[in-house]
Structures are given as C-alpha cells and as structure tokens.
Amino acid sequence: MKIIETALNGLLLLEPVVFADERGEFCETFNARRFAALIGREVSFVQDNRSHSRPNVLRGLHYQHTHPQGKLVQVTQGAVWDVAVDLRRASPCFGQWHGVTLSAENRRQLWIPEGFAHGFLALQDGAEFCYKVSDYWHAGDEYCIRWDDPALGIDWPLAQPPVLSDKDRQGLNFADAPMF
C-alpha cells in the first residue's frame, strides 16, 4: 500500500498494490497490521457501509460529534469526488477542506480520521461507495454541514445543481456546527 499525504494533517490517500496477469487482478483492500503501521495507530472498524448513487447525487457533509467516526472509504464501481473538512479546532488545518476523485479505476482509498466532516458527489451512474467506520451510527449524534457553505468555499465539480436529501438541504452553516 502506497500512502499519499494530503495538505490536511491525518487525512491520507492510500493506493493499493495491484497484481495483474492474464486472469485479471488482485489487490488487498485492508490489512489491520499494515493499516495501523501506515496511520500510526490501531483502529477497530465496527461497521461496513455501502451506498449506490446516481450521477450528480451529493451526500454530506456528515459527521458525528459525541461518537466521532474514523472512515476508510473507497469506490468499487464508478467514480465520486470525495471531500473531507477538518473540524478539529486545535488543528492548523481547522476549517480547511480537501477533495479527491476516488474511482473503481484508480482503486484509491481515503482515510478520514475522527474530527472531520465528510461528503461526496457521484460523478458517474451507479457509483458504489463503500466505507468502514470506527464507531457505530448514532442517529441523535449525526450532524450535517451545508455542502455549499461559503465559509468553506468547497469547489464541487458541478455542471448543474446537485441532487440532495432533505437532511443535506437543511445542513448547518459551518459557523453554527459543533466542532471538536
């Protein structure tokens, strides 16, 4: 696994080693020992999630505050533009965001540590997004920051207004959201 550091402290892009021959391909998508060595600590994942989205569906920016989740995300079909926002007040990157294309083709994964909000935009039909989380989902602890909050200035690659859930339409402004 190759690690690519982003501009945001702790947010890491991971590229698996792919073994290909005339039969097809193989790559390891997760190994607890190697992952711990890459990020510098052990993480216990308690839940795996999967979403399937039409093009132009935007999900996020979601996070849990009392029960923060670290997330290891990847795309197994199609492509998404993935965004993480640093909500850690003590971080030199507080309030900054990082976006990256994740696709079935590039096989990249993104490690989003606890203390970040997360969202993604489906770029292709049938985008399948899979992720591991380090804490269970707690409905009463879930928050959503507006995807288009001008204070964040996220440059989403949109050609038209996104398709949003009611929850995402009603997201909080960054300034009003609970922080870490």
N, C-alpha and C. Protein backbone atom coordinates (compact mmCIF):
# COMPACT_ATOMS: atom_id res chain seq x y z
N MET A 1 0.85 -1.18 0.00
CA MET A 1 0.00 0.00 0.00
C MET A 1 0.89 1.23 0.00
N LYS A 2 0.62 2.11 -0.93
CA LYS A 2 1.36 3.38 -1.01
C LYS A 2 0.52 4.45 -0.32
N ILE A 3 1.18 5.27 0.49
CA ILE A 3 0.49 6.33 1.22
C ILE A 3 0.83 7.68 0.58
N ILE A 4 -0.19 8.51 0.40
CA ILE A 4 -0.02 9.86 -0.13
C ILE A 4 -0.61 10.81 0.89
N GLU A 5 0.23 11.65 1.47
CA GLU A 5 -0.25 12.61 2.46
C GLU A 5 -0.96 13.76 1.76
N THR A 6 -2.03 14.25 2.37
CA THR A 6 -2.74 15.40 1.84
C THR A 6 -2.29 16.64 2.62
N ALA A 7 -2.82 17.78 2.25
CA ALA A 7 -2.48 19.03 2.94
C ALA A 7 -3.11 19.09 4.34
N LEU A 8 -4.08 18.21 4.63
CA LEU A 8 -4.75 18.22 5.92
C LEU A 8 -4.15 17.12 6.81
N ASN A 9 -3.67 17.52 7.96
CA ASN A 9 -3.00 16.61 8.88
C ASN A 9 -3.86 15.41 9.24
N GLY A 10 -3.37 14.21 8.94
CA GLY A 10 -4.06 12.97 9.28
C GLY A 10 -4.93 12.41 8.17
N LEU A 11 -5.31 13.24 7.21
CA LEU A 11 -6.13 12.79 6.08
C LEU A 11 -5.19 12.18 5.04
N LEU A 12 -5.35 10.88 4.79
CA LEU A 12 -4.39 10.15 3.96
C LEU A 12 -5.05 9.47 2.78
N LEU A 13 -4.41 9.57 1.63
CA LEU A 13 -4.83 8.87 0.42
C LEU A 13 -3.98 7.62 0.29
N LEU A 14 -4.63 6.48 0.08
CA LEU A 14 -3.94 5.20 0.02
C LEU A 14 -4.13 4.57 -1.35
N GLU A 15 -3.03 4.05 -1.91
CA GLU A 15 -3.09 3.34 -3.18
C GLU A 15 -2.64 1.91 -2.98
N PRO A 16 -3.51 0.94 -3.30
CA PRO A 16 -3.12 -0.45 -3.11
C PRO A 16 -2.15 -0.91 -4.20
N VAL A 17 -1.39 -1.93 -3.88
CA VAL A 17 -0.54 -2.58 -4.88
C VAL A 17 -1.45 -3.56 -5.62
N VAL A 18 -1.47 -3.46 -6.95
CA VAL A 18 -2.34 -4.31 -7.76
C VAL A 18 -1.47 -5.33 -8.49
N PHE A 19 -1.86 -6.58 -8.36
CA PHE A 19 -1.19 -7.67 -9.06
C PHE A 19 -2.09 -8.08 -10.22
N ALA A 20 -1.58 -7.92 -11.44
CA ALA A 20 -2.38 -8.22 -12.62
C ALA A 20 -1.66 -9.25 -13.49
N ASP A 21 -2.43 -10.14 -14.07
CA ASP A 21 -1.91 -11.07 -15.06
C ASP A 21 -3.04 -11.39 -16.04
N GLU A 22 -2.86 -12.42 -16.85
CA GLU A 22 -3.84 -12.74 -17.89
C GLU A 22 -5.21 -13.13 -17.31
N ARG A 23 -5.25 -13.50 -16.03
CA ARG A 23 -6.52 -13.88 -15.40
C ARG A 23 -7.33 -12.70 -14.92
N GLY A 24 -6.66 -11.59 -14.65
CA GLY A 24 -7.33 -10.42 -14.09
C GLY A 24 -6.44 -9.73 -13.08
N GLU A 25 -7.04 -9.30 -11.98
CA GLU A 25 -6.30 -8.52 -10.99
C GLU A 25 -6.62 -8.97 -9.56
N PHE A 26 -5.70 -8.66 -8.67
CA PHE A 26 -5.88 -8.87 -7.24
C PHE A 26 -5.23 -7.72 -6.51
N CYS A 27 -5.89 -7.23 -5.46
CA CYS A 27 -5.25 -6.27 -4.56
C CYS A 27 -5.87 -6.44 -3.18
N GLU A 28 -5.05 -6.18 -2.19
CA GLU A 28 -5.51 -6.23 -0.80
C GLU A 28 -6.11 -4.87 -0.48
N THR A 29 -7.36 -4.85 -0.01
CA THR A 29 -8.01 -3.58 0.29
C THR A 29 -7.92 -3.19 1.76
N PHE A 30 -7.64 -4.16 2.63
CA PHE A 30 -7.46 -3.83 4.04
C PHE A 30 -6.67 -4.92 4.74
N ASN A 31 -5.73 -4.49 5.58
CA ASN A 31 -4.93 -5.37 6.42
C ASN A 31 -4.69 -4.57 7.71
N ALA A 32 -5.23 -5.04 8.83
CA ALA A 32 -5.19 -4.28 10.08
C ALA A 32 -3.77 -3.90 10.49
N ARG A 33 -2.82 -4.84 10.41
CA ARG A 33 -1.43 -4.54 10.80
C ARG A 33 -0.84 -3.46 9.91
N ARG A 34 -0.99 -3.61 8.61
CA ARG A 34 -0.41 -2.62 7.68
C ARG A 34 -1.09 -1.27 7.82
N PHE A 35 -2.41 -1.27 8.00
CA PHE A 35 -3.12 -0.02 8.16
C PHE A 35 -2.65 0.71 9.41
N ALA A 36 -2.51 0.00 10.53
CA ALA A 36 -2.02 0.61 11.77
C ALA A 36 -0.63 1.20 11.58
N ALA A 37 0.23 0.49 10.86
CA ALA A 37 1.58 1.00 10.60
C ALA A 37 1.54 2.25 9.73
N LEU A 38 0.62 2.30 8.78
CA LEU A 38 0.52 3.46 7.89
C LEU A 38 0.05 4.71 8.61
N ILE A 39 -0.97 4.56 9.49
CA ILE A 39 -1.53 5.75 10.14
C ILE A 39 -0.96 6.00 11.52
N GLY A 40 -0.17 5.05 12.03
CA GLY A 40 0.50 5.26 13.30
C GLY A 40 -0.30 4.88 14.53
N ARG A 41 -1.39 4.16 14.36
CA ARG A 41 -2.19 3.70 15.49
C ARG A 41 -3.16 2.62 15.01
N GLU A 42 -3.63 1.82 15.95
CA GLU A 42 -4.62 0.81 15.61
C GLU A 42 -6.01 1.43 15.57
N VAL A 43 -6.82 0.96 14.64
CA VAL A 43 -8.20 1.39 14.53
C VAL A 43 -9.06 0.13 14.45
N SER A 44 -10.11 0.09 15.26
CA SER A 44 -11.06 -1.02 15.19
C SER A 44 -12.27 -0.54 14.39
N PHE A 45 -12.50 -1.19 13.27
CA PHE A 45 -13.69 -0.86 12.47
C PHE A 45 -14.84 -1.72 12.96
N VAL A 46 -16.01 -1.10 13.17
CA VAL A 46 -17.15 -1.80 13.75
C VAL A 46 -18.30 -1.97 12.77
N GLN A 47 -18.22 -1.32 11.63
CA GLN A 47 -19.35 -1.36 10.70
C GLN A 47 -18.82 -1.07 9.30
N ASP A 48 -19.36 -1.79 8.30
CA ASP A 48 -19.10 -1.50 6.90
C ASP A 48 -20.38 -0.99 6.28
N ASN A 49 -20.27 0.05 5.46
CA ASN A 49 -21.44 0.66 4.81
C ASN A 49 -21.22 0.72 3.30
N ARG A 50 -22.32 0.77 2.57
CA ARG A 50 -22.26 0.86 1.12
C ARG A 50 -23.41 1.74 0.66
N SER A 51 -23.13 2.64 -0.27
CA SER A 51 -24.20 3.41 -0.90
C SER A 51 -24.04 3.32 -2.41
N HIS A 52 -25.14 3.46 -3.08
CA HIS A 52 -25.18 3.40 -4.54
C HIS A 52 -25.87 4.69 -4.98
N SER A 53 -25.26 5.45 -5.87
CA SER A 53 -25.80 6.77 -6.22
C SER A 53 -25.86 6.99 -7.72
N ARG A 54 -26.88 7.74 -8.11
CA ARG A 54 -26.99 8.21 -9.49
C ARG A 54 -26.02 9.38 -9.69
N PRO A 55 -25.74 9.73 -10.93
CA PRO A 55 -24.86 10.88 -11.17
C PRO A 55 -25.44 12.16 -10.55
N ASN A 56 -24.57 13.00 -10.05
CA ASN A 56 -24.91 14.31 -9.52
C ASN A 56 -25.59 14.25 -8.14
N VAL A 57 -25.61 13.07 -7.52
CA VAL A 57 -26.10 12.98 -6.14
C VAL A 57 -24.96 13.42 -5.23
N LEU A 58 -25.27 14.35 -4.34
CA LEU A 58 -24.29 14.84 -3.38
C LEU A 58 -24.75 14.43 -1.99
N ARG A 59 -23.88 13.75 -1.26
CA ARG A 59 -24.19 13.30 0.10
C ARG A 59 -23.19 13.97 1.06
N GLY A 60 -23.70 14.67 2.05
CA GLY A 60 -22.80 15.27 3.02
C GLY A 60 -23.02 16.77 3.13
N LEU A 61 -22.29 17.28 4.00
CA LEU A 61 -21.10 16.91 4.74
C LEU A 61 -21.51 16.37 6.11
N HIS A 62 -21.31 15.10 6.37
CA HIS A 62 -21.80 14.42 7.56
C HIS A 62 -20.69 14.13 8.57
N TYR A 63 -21.08 14.07 9.83
CA TYR A 63 -20.17 13.63 10.89
C TYR A 63 -20.97 13.39 12.16
N GLN A 64 -20.35 12.69 13.10
CA GLN A 64 -20.90 12.52 14.44
C GLN A 64 -19.97 13.25 15.40
N HIS A 65 -20.56 13.87 16.41
CA HIS A 65 -19.75 14.69 17.32
C HIS A 65 -19.37 13.96 18.60
N THR A 66 -20.32 13.42 19.33
CA THR A 66 -20.04 12.73 20.58
C THR A 66 -19.42 11.36 20.33
N HIS A 67 -19.81 10.74 19.24
CA HIS A 67 -19.30 9.43 18.83
C HIS A 67 -18.61 9.58 17.47
N PRO A 68 -17.48 10.29 17.40
CA PRO A 68 -16.85 10.54 16.10
C PRO A 68 -16.41 9.25 15.43
N GLN A 69 -16.50 9.26 14.12
CA GLN A 69 -16.14 8.09 13.34
C GLN A 69 -14.92 8.38 12.47
N GLY A 70 -13.94 7.50 12.53
CA GLY A 70 -12.92 7.47 11.51
C GLY A 70 -13.50 6.66 10.36
N LYS A 71 -13.17 7.02 9.12
CA LYS A 71 -13.73 6.32 7.96
C LYS A 71 -12.63 5.97 6.98
N LEU A 72 -12.67 4.76 6.49
CA LEU A 72 -11.81 4.33 5.40
C LEU A 72 -12.74 4.10 4.22
N VAL A 73 -12.64 4.98 3.21
CA VAL A 73 -13.62 4.99 2.12
C VAL A 73 -12.97 4.58 0.80
N GLN A 74 -13.79 3.96 -0.06
CA GLN A 74 -13.33 3.59 -1.40
C GLN A 74 -14.53 3.45 -2.32
N VAL A 75 -14.27 3.50 -3.61
CA VAL A 75 -15.30 3.34 -4.62
C VAL A 75 -15.04 2.03 -5.35
N THR A 76 -16.08 1.19 -5.45
CA THR A 76 -15.93 -0.10 -6.10
C THR A 76 -16.57 -0.15 -7.49
N GLN A 77 -17.36 0.87 -7.80
CA GLN A 77 -17.96 1.00 -9.13
C GLN A 77 -18.16 2.47 -9.43
N GLY A 78 -17.79 2.91 -10.62
CA GLY A 78 -17.98 4.30 -10.99
C GLY A 78 -16.93 5.21 -10.37
N ALA A 79 -17.34 6.44 -10.08
CA ALA A 79 -16.42 7.44 -9.54
C ALA A 79 -17.18 8.47 -8.72
N VAL A 80 -16.50 9.01 -7.70
CA VAL A 80 -17.04 10.09 -6.88
C VAL A 80 -15.95 11.14 -6.67
N TRP A 81 -16.39 12.34 -6.35
CA TRP A 81 -15.46 13.37 -5.88
C TRP A 81 -15.71 13.44 -4.38
N ASP A 82 -14.70 13.08 -3.60
CA ASP A 82 -14.80 12.92 -2.17
C ASP A 82 -14.20 14.11 -1.45
N VAL A 83 -14.86 14.58 -0.41
CA VAL A 83 -14.42 15.77 0.32
C VAL A 83 -14.40 15.51 1.82
N ALA A 84 -13.35 15.97 2.48
CA ALA A 84 -13.26 15.94 3.94
C ALA A 84 -12.94 17.35 4.42
N VAL A 85 -13.58 17.74 5.52
CA VAL A 85 -13.39 19.07 6.12
C VAL A 85 -12.90 18.88 7.54
N ASP A 86 -11.80 19.53 7.89
CA ASP A 86 -11.20 19.42 9.22
C ASP A 86 -12.01 20.26 10.22
N LEU A 87 -12.60 19.59 11.22
CA LEU A 87 -13.40 20.27 12.25
C LEU A 87 -12.68 20.32 13.60
N ARG A 88 -11.40 19.99 13.62
CA ARG A 88 -10.64 19.95 14.87
C ARG A 88 -10.07 21.34 15.16
N ARG A 89 -10.62 22.01 16.15
CA ARG A 89 -10.21 23.39 16.47
C ARG A 89 -8.71 23.52 16.72
N ALA A 90 -8.08 22.51 17.30
CA ALA A 90 -6.65 22.58 17.61
C ALA A 90 -5.77 22.29 16.39
N SER A 91 -6.36 21.93 15.29
CA SER A 91 -5.59 21.60 14.08
C SER A 91 -5.19 22.86 13.33
N PRO A 92 -3.97 22.89 12.80
CA PRO A 92 -3.58 24.04 11.96
C PRO A 92 -4.38 24.09 10.65
N CYS A 93 -5.11 23.02 10.35
CA CYS A 93 -5.92 22.95 9.13
C CYS A 93 -7.41 23.13 9.42
N PHE A 94 -7.75 23.59 10.62
CA PHE A 94 -9.16 23.77 11.02
C PHE A 94 -9.91 24.57 9.96
N GLY A 95 -11.06 24.03 9.54
CA GLY A 95 -11.90 24.72 8.57
C GLY A 95 -11.49 24.54 7.13
N GLN A 96 -10.41 23.84 6.88
CA GLN A 96 -9.97 23.61 5.51
C GLN A 96 -10.54 22.30 4.98
N TRP A 97 -10.63 22.20 3.67
CA TRP A 97 -11.17 21.00 3.04
C TRP A 97 -10.17 20.45 2.03
N HIS A 98 -10.36 19.18 1.72
CA HIS A 98 -9.57 18.51 0.68
C HIS A 98 -10.52 17.66 -0.14
N GLY A 99 -10.40 17.74 -1.45
CA GLY A 99 -11.22 16.94 -2.35
C GLY A 99 -10.34 16.09 -3.26
N VAL A 100 -10.83 14.90 -3.58
CA VAL A 100 -10.08 13.98 -4.42
C VAL A 100 -11.06 13.07 -5.16
N THR A 101 -10.71 12.69 -6.37
CA THR A 101 -11.52 11.72 -7.10
C THR A 101 -11.14 10.31 -6.68
N LEU A 102 -12.14 9.56 -6.27
CA LEU A 102 -11.99 8.14 -5.96
C LEU A 102 -12.80 7.38 -7.00
N SER A 103 -12.21 6.33 -7.55
CA SER A 103 -12.93 5.58 -8.58
C SER A 103 -12.58 4.11 -8.52
N ALA A 104 -13.41 3.30 -9.15
CA ALA A 104 -13.10 1.88 -9.27
C ALA A 104 -11.82 1.71 -10.08
N GLU A 105 -11.61 2.61 -11.01
CA GLU A 105 -10.42 2.53 -11.87
C GLU A 105 -9.13 2.84 -11.11
N ASN A 106 -9.11 3.91 -10.31
CA ASN A 106 -7.86 4.26 -9.61
C ASN A 106 -7.67 3.50 -8.29
N ARG A 107 -8.73 2.84 -7.80
CA ARG A 107 -8.68 1.97 -6.62
C ARG A 107 -8.21 2.68 -5.34
N ARG A 108 -8.13 3.98 -5.36
CA ARG A 108 -7.64 4.70 -4.18
C ARG A 108 -8.64 4.63 -3.04
N GLN A 109 -8.10 4.72 -1.83
CA GLN A 109 -8.89 4.80 -0.61
C GLN A 109 -8.51 6.10 0.09
N LEU A 110 -9.43 6.61 0.89
CA LEU A 110 -9.13 7.79 1.69
C LEU A 110 -9.41 7.46 3.14
N TRP A 111 -8.40 7.72 4.00
CA TRP A 111 -8.56 7.58 5.45
C TRP A 111 -8.95 8.95 5.97
N ILE A 112 -10.14 9.02 6.56
CA ILE A 112 -10.68 10.25 7.14
C ILE A 112 -10.74 10.04 8.64
N PRO A 113 -9.82 10.64 9.38
CA PRO A 113 -9.81 10.40 10.83
C PRO A 113 -10.98 11.07 11.54
N GLU A 114 -11.19 10.67 12.77
CA GLU A 114 -12.19 11.29 13.62
C GLU A 114 -11.94 12.79 13.63
N GLY A 115 -13.01 13.57 13.67
CA GLY A 115 -12.87 15.03 13.72
C GLY A 115 -13.02 15.71 12.37
N PHE A 116 -13.42 14.96 11.36
CA PHE A 116 -13.65 15.53 10.03
C PHE A 116 -15.12 15.34 9.64
N ALA A 117 -15.64 16.28 8.87
CA ALA A 117 -16.92 16.09 8.19
C ALA A 117 -16.59 15.50 6.82
N HIS A 118 -17.54 14.75 6.27
CA HIS A 118 -17.27 14.03 5.02
C HIS A 118 -18.47 14.09 4.09
N GLY A 119 -18.19 14.20 2.81
CA GLY A 119 -19.24 14.15 1.80
C GLY A 119 -18.67 13.74 0.47
N PHE A 120 -19.56 13.41 -0.47
CA PHE A 120 -19.09 13.07 -1.81
C PHE A 120 -20.16 13.36 -2.85
N LEU A 121 -19.70 13.55 -4.07
CA LEU A 121 -20.54 13.80 -5.23
C LEU A 121 -20.33 12.65 -6.21
N ALA A 122 -21.43 11.98 -6.59
CA ALA A 122 -21.34 10.89 -7.57
C ALA A 122 -21.09 11.49 -8.95
N LEU A 123 -20.02 11.04 -9.58
CA LEU A 123 -19.63 11.56 -10.89
C LEU A 123 -20.13 10.70 -12.05
N GLN A 124 -20.46 9.46 -11.77
CA GLN A 124 -20.90 8.53 -12.80
C GLN A 124 -22.13 7.77 -12.32
N ASP A 125 -22.88 7.25 -13.27
CA ASP A 125 -24.06 6.46 -12.94
C ASP A 125 -23.64 5.19 -12.18
N GLY A 126 -24.40 4.86 -11.17
CA GLY A 126 -24.13 3.64 -10.42
C GLY A 126 -22.88 3.71 -9.57
N ALA A 127 -22.53 4.88 -9.08
CA ALA A 127 -21.35 5.00 -8.21
C ALA A 127 -21.61 4.22 -6.92
N GLU A 128 -20.75 3.24 -6.68
CA GLU A 128 -20.87 2.43 -5.46
C GLU A 128 -19.75 2.83 -4.51
N PHE A 129 -20.14 3.32 -3.35
CA PHE A 129 -19.24 3.89 -2.36
C PHE A 129 -19.27 2.98 -1.13
N CYS A 130 -18.12 2.45 -0.73
CA CYS A 130 -18.03 1.54 0.41
C CYS A 130 -17.10 2.14 1.45
N TYR A 131 -17.48 1.98 2.71
CA TYR A 131 -16.61 2.51 3.76
C TYR A 131 -16.76 1.77 5.06
N LYS A 132 -15.63 1.73 5.78
CA LYS A 132 -15.55 1.18 7.11
C LYS A 132 -15.58 2.35 8.09
N VAL A 133 -16.24 2.15 9.24
CA VAL A 133 -16.28 3.20 10.25
C VAL A 133 -15.82 2.65 11.60
N SER A 134 -15.24 3.54 12.40
CA SER A 134 -14.65 3.15 13.67
C SER A 134 -15.61 3.26 14.85
N ASP A 135 -16.82 3.75 14.64
CA ASP A 135 -17.85 3.76 15.68
C ASP A 135 -19.19 3.55 14.99
N TYR A 136 -20.15 3.09 15.76
CA TYR A 136 -21.47 2.83 15.23
C TYR A 136 -22.20 4.13 14.91
N TRP A 137 -23.18 4.03 14.04
CA TRP A 137 -24.01 5.18 13.71
C TRP A 137 -24.94 5.47 14.88
N HIS A 138 -24.98 6.71 15.31
CA HIS A 138 -25.86 7.17 16.39
C HIS A 138 -26.74 8.27 15.81
N ALA A 139 -27.99 7.95 15.57
CA ALA A 139 -28.91 8.88 14.91
C ALA A 139 -28.96 10.25 15.58
N GLY A 140 -29.00 10.28 16.89
CA GLY A 140 -29.10 11.55 17.60
C GLY A 140 -27.81 12.35 17.63
N ASP A 141 -26.74 11.78 17.13
CA ASP A 141 -25.43 12.43 17.17
C ASP A 141 -24.94 12.81 15.77
N GLU A 142 -25.77 12.63 14.78
CA GLU A 142 -25.35 12.92 13.40
C GLU A 142 -25.61 14.39 13.07
N TYR A 143 -24.61 15.00 12.45
CA TYR A 143 -24.72 16.39 12.03
C TYR A 143 -24.41 16.49 10.55
N CYS A 144 -24.92 17.56 9.97
CA CYS A 144 -24.67 17.82 8.56
C CYS A 144 -24.35 19.30 8.40
N ILE A 145 -23.24 19.57 7.74
CA ILE A 145 -22.86 20.95 7.40
C ILE A 145 -23.24 21.17 5.94
N ARG A 146 -23.74 22.35 5.65
CA ARG A 146 -24.15 22.67 4.27
C ARG A 146 -23.00 22.43 3.29
N TRP A 147 -23.30 21.72 2.26
CA TRP A 147 -22.32 21.40 1.22
C TRP A 147 -21.82 22.65 0.51
N ASP A 148 -22.65 23.69 0.49
CA ASP A 148 -22.33 24.91 -0.26
C ASP A 148 -22.06 26.11 0.64
N ASP A 149 -21.69 25.85 1.89
CA ASP A 149 -21.43 26.96 2.82
C ASP A 149 -20.29 27.83 2.27
N PRO A 150 -20.54 29.12 2.06
CA PRO A 150 -19.49 29.99 1.52
C PRO A 150 -18.26 30.11 2.43
N ALA A 151 -18.44 29.87 3.74
CA ALA A 151 -17.29 29.94 4.65
C ALA A 151 -16.27 28.86 4.32
N LEU A 152 -16.72 27.73 3.76
CA LEU A 152 -15.81 26.65 3.39
C LEU A 152 -15.30 26.82 1.96
N GLY A 153 -16.14 27.30 1.07
CA GLY A 153 -15.73 27.54 -0.31
C GLY A 153 -15.32 26.26 -1.06
N ILE A 154 -16.03 25.17 -0.81
CA ILE A 154 -15.69 23.91 -1.49
C ILE A 154 -16.02 24.03 -2.97
N ASP A 155 -15.07 23.68 -3.80
CA ASP A 155 -15.21 23.78 -5.25
C ASP A 155 -15.69 22.44 -5.82
N TRP A 156 -16.98 22.17 -5.63
CA TRP A 156 -17.56 20.92 -6.14
C TRP A 156 -17.58 20.95 -7.67
N PRO A 157 -17.24 19.86 -8.34
CA PRO A 157 -17.26 19.82 -9.81
C PRO A 157 -18.67 19.59 -10.36
N LEU A 158 -19.50 20.61 -10.24
CA LEU A 158 -20.91 20.51 -10.62
C LEU A 158 -21.18 21.23 -11.94
N ALA A 159 -21.95 20.60 -12.81
CA ALA A 159 -22.40 21.24 -14.05
C ALA A 159 -23.83 21.74 -13.88
N GLN A 160 -24.51 21.26 -12.84
CA GLN A 160 -25.89 21.64 -12.55
C GLN A 160 -26.11 21.48 -11.05
N PRO A 161 -27.22 21.98 -10.51
CA PRO A 161 -27.45 21.80 -9.08
C PRO A 161 -27.48 20.32 -8.72
N PRO A 162 -26.93 19.96 -7.54
CA PRO A 162 -26.87 18.55 -7.16
C PRO A 162 -28.22 18.02 -6.69
N VAL A 163 -28.34 16.71 -6.70
CA VAL A 163 -29.49 16.02 -6.11
C VAL A 163 -29.16 15.81 -4.64
N LEU A 164 -30.02 16.33 -3.74
CA LEU A 164 -29.77 16.30 -2.30
C LEU A 164 -30.92 15.64 -1.55
N SER A 165 -30.61 15.06 -0.41
CA SER A 165 -31.65 14.58 0.51
C SER A 165 -32.18 15.79 1.28
N ASP A 166 -33.32 15.61 1.94
CA ASP A 166 -33.85 16.69 2.78
C ASP A 166 -32.84 17.06 3.87
N LYS A 167 -32.23 16.04 4.47
CA LYS A 167 -31.24 16.28 5.53
C LYS A 167 -30.09 17.15 5.02
N ASP A 168 -29.60 16.86 3.82
CA ASP A 168 -28.48 17.63 3.27
C ASP A 168 -28.91 19.04 2.86
N ARG A 169 -30.15 19.21 2.44
CA ARG A 169 -30.67 20.54 2.11
C ARG A 169 -30.76 21.42 3.35
N GLN A 170 -30.95 20.80 4.51
CA GLN A 170 -31.15 21.53 5.76
C GLN A 170 -29.89 21.56 6.63
N GLY A 171 -28.72 21.32 6.04
CA GLY A 171 -27.47 21.31 6.79
C GLY A 171 -27.20 22.62 7.50
N LEU A 172 -26.39 22.53 8.54
CA LEU A 172 -26.00 23.71 9.32
C LEU A 172 -24.93 24.51 8.59
N ASN A 173 -24.88 25.79 8.90
CA ASN A 173 -23.74 26.58 8.45
C ASN A 173 -22.53 26.15 9.25
N PHE A 174 -21.35 26.22 8.65
CA PHE A 174 -20.12 25.83 9.32
C PHE A 174 -19.99 26.53 10.68
N ALA A 175 -20.28 27.81 10.73
CA ALA A 175 -20.13 28.60 11.97
C ALA A 175 -21.06 28.11 13.09
N ASP A 176 -22.15 27.46 12.74
CA ASP A 176 -23.13 27.00 13.75
C ASP A 176 -22.98 25.53 14.13
N ALA A 177 -22.10 24.82 13.45
CA ALA A 177 -21.96 23.38 13.67
C ALA A 177 -21.06 23.08 14.87
N PRO A 178 -21.37 22.04 15.64
CA PRO A 178 -20.48 21.64 16.74
C PRO A 178 -19.11 21.22 16.17
N MET A 179 -18.06 21.62 16.84
CA MET A 179 -16.69 21.30 16.40
C MET A 179 -16.01 20.43 17.45
N PHE A 180 -14.85 19.97 17.11
CA PHE A 180 -14.06 19.11 18.00
C PHE A 180 -13.01 19.92 18.72
